[in-house]
Amino acid sequence: MNGTVTVDASLCKGCALCIPVCPNGLLRIDQDHFNARGVHPAELHDPEGACTGCELCATICPEAAITVYRDRS
């Protein structure tokens, strides 16, 4: 099963709690952009489509800034 993650940058506070829980190491802090809070938000970096949609990142996010989508085909 493949998945993808979207991060609502306007909600993200840059706490990075999502990064170590990703079993495939696909999340990182976006060093190129700031949000309205003045922090670098998290982002998905998955060029090879390795996200499984496990939802661990969304579960740990204290701001509910992460949405996980799964391809069930």
C-alpha atoms as a PDB file:
ATOM      1  CA  MET A   1       0.000   0.000   0.000  1.00  0.00           C
ATOM      2  CA  ASN A   2       1.322   3.422  -0.935  1.00  0.00           C
ATOM      3  CA  GLY A   3       0.553   6.675   0.753  1.00  0.00           C
ATOM      4  CA  THR A   4       1.342  10.331   0.730  1.00  0.00           C
ATOM      5  CA  VAL A   5       1.433  13.054   3.329  1.00  0.00           C
ATOM      6  CA  THR A   6       0.472  16.702   3.181  1.00  0.00           C
ATOM      7  CA  VAL A   7       1.567  19.179   5.813  1.00  0.00           C
ATOM      8  CA  ASP A   8      -0.527  22.289   6.369  1.00  0.00           C
ATOM      9  CA  ALA A   9       2.372  24.689   6.718  1.00  0.00           C
ATOM     10  CA  SER A  10       0.153  27.339   8.283  1.00  0.00           C
ATOM     11  CA  LEU A  11      -0.569  25.008  11.225  1.00  0.00           C
ATOM     12  CA  CYS A  12       2.889  23.457  11.598  1.00  0.00           C
ATOM     13  CA  LYS A  13       4.922  24.841  14.496  1.00  0.00           C
ATOM     14  CA  GLY A  14       8.145  23.166  13.396  1.00  0.00           C
ATOM     15  CA  CYS A  15       8.382  20.929  16.459  1.00  0.00           C
ATOM     16  CA  ALA A  16       9.769  18.069  14.328  1.00  0.00           C
ATOM     17  CA  LEU A  17       8.038  15.355  16.374  1.00  0.00           C
ATOM     18  CA  CYS A  18       6.928  13.748  13.115  1.00  0.00           C
ATOM     19  CA  ILE A  19      10.440  13.270  11.780  1.00  0.00           C
ATOM     20  CA  PRO A  20      11.749  10.490  14.063  1.00  0.00           C
ATOM     21  CA  VAL A  21       8.475   8.518  14.008  1.00  0.00           C
ATOM     22  CA  CYS A  22       8.472   8.056  10.225  1.00  0.00           C
ATOM     23  CA  PRO A  23       9.675   4.474   9.702  1.00  0.00           C
ATOM     24  CA  ASN A  24      11.036   5.347   6.260  1.00  0.00           C
ATOM     25  CA  GLY A  25      12.654   8.675   7.181  1.00  0.00           C
ATOM     26  CA  LEU A  26      10.578  10.651   4.694  1.00  0.00           C
ATOM     27  CA  LEU A  27       9.853  13.796   6.679  1.00  0.00           C
ATOM     28  CA  ARG A  28      12.179  16.717   7.178  1.00  0.00           C
ATOM     29  CA  ILE A  29      12.111  20.394   8.058  1.00  0.00           C
ATOM     30  CA  ASP A  30      11.750  22.637   5.007  1.00  0.00           C
ATOM     31  CA  GLN A  31      14.777  24.909   5.342  1.00  0.00           C
ATOM     32  CA  ASP A  32      13.758  26.974   2.300  1.00  0.00           C
ATOM     33  CA  HIS A  33      10.427  28.334   3.558  1.00  0.00           C
ATOM     34  CA  PHE A  34       8.902  29.979   6.611  1.00  0.00           C
ATOM     35  CA  ASN A  35       5.247  29.916   7.577  1.00  0.00           C
ATOM     36  CA  ALA A  36       3.268  32.806   9.107  1.00  0.00           C
ATOM     37  CA  ARG A  37       4.518  31.758  12.551  1.00  0.00           C
ATOM     38  CA  GLY A  38       8.063  32.385  11.382  1.00  0.00           C
ATOM     39  CA  VAL A  39       9.152  28.749  11.589  1.00  0.00           C
ATOM     40  CA  HIS A  40      10.315  26.239   9.045  1.00  0.00           C
ATOM     41  CA  PRO A  41       7.471  23.709   8.632  1.00  0.00           C
ATOM     42  CA  ALA A  42       7.842  19.987   8.151  1.00  0.00           C
ATOM     43  CA  GLU A  43       7.588  18.559   4.657  1.00  0.00           C
ATOM     44  CA  LEU A  44       7.414  15.189   2.965  1.00  0.00           C
ATOM     45  CA  HIS A  45      10.491  14.272   0.941  1.00  0.00           C
ATOM     46  CA  ASP A  46       9.527  11.096  -0.896  1.00  0.00           C
ATOM     47  CA  PRO A  47      10.943  11.089  -4.436  1.00  0.00           C
ATOM     48  CA  GLU A  48      10.672   7.308  -4.713  1.00  0.00           C
ATOM     49  CA  GLY A  49       7.134   6.922  -3.350  1.00  0.00           C
ATOM     50  CA  ALA A  50       8.181   5.009  -0.237  1.00  0.00           C
ATOM     51  CA  CYS A  51       5.430   6.372   2.038  1.00  0.00           C
ATOM     52  CA  THR A  52       3.195   3.548   3.246  1.00  0.00           C
ATOM     53  CA  GLY A  53       0.515   5.776   4.747  1.00  0.00           C
ATOM     54  CA  CYS A  54       1.124   4.395   8.234  1.00  0.00           C
ATOM     55  CA  GLU A  55      -0.239   7.604   9.852  1.00  0.00           C
ATOM     56  CA  LEU A  56       2.358   7.731  12.637  1.00  0.00           C
ATOM     57  CA  CYS A  57       3.309  11.279  11.667  1.00  0.00           C
ATOM     58  CA  ALA A  58      -0.302  12.474  11.723  1.00  0.00           C
ATOM     59  CA  THR A  59      -0.941  10.743  15.041  1.00  0.00           C
ATOM     60  CA  ILE A  60       1.966  12.439  16.818  1.00  0.00           C
ATOM     61  CA  CYS A  61       1.426  15.922  15.350  1.00  0.00           C
ATOM     62  CA  PRO A  62       0.157  18.151  18.199  1.00  0.00           C
ATOM     63  CA  GLU A  63      -1.244  20.714  15.761  1.00  0.00           C
ATOM     64  CA  ALA A  64      -3.102  18.230  13.494  1.00  0.00           C
ATOM     65  CA  ALA A  65      -1.164  19.753  10.599  1.00  0.00           C
ATOM     66  CA  ILE A  66      -0.531  16.436   8.832  1.00  0.00           C
ATOM     67  CA  THR A  67      -2.979  14.588   6.624  1.00  0.00           C
ATOM     68  CA  VAL A  68      -2.200  11.110   5.317  1.00  0.00           C
ATOM     69  CA  TYR A  69      -3.700   9.719   2.133  1.00  0.00           C
ATOM     70  CA  ARG A  70      -3.562   6.036   1.199  1.00  0.00           C
ATOM     71  CA  ASP A  71      -3.813   4.458  -2.218  1.00  0.00           C
ATOM     72  CA  ARG A  72      -5.898   1.375  -1.577  1.00  0.00           C
ATOM     73  CA  SER A  73      -5.563  -0.067  -5.057  1.00  0.00           C
END
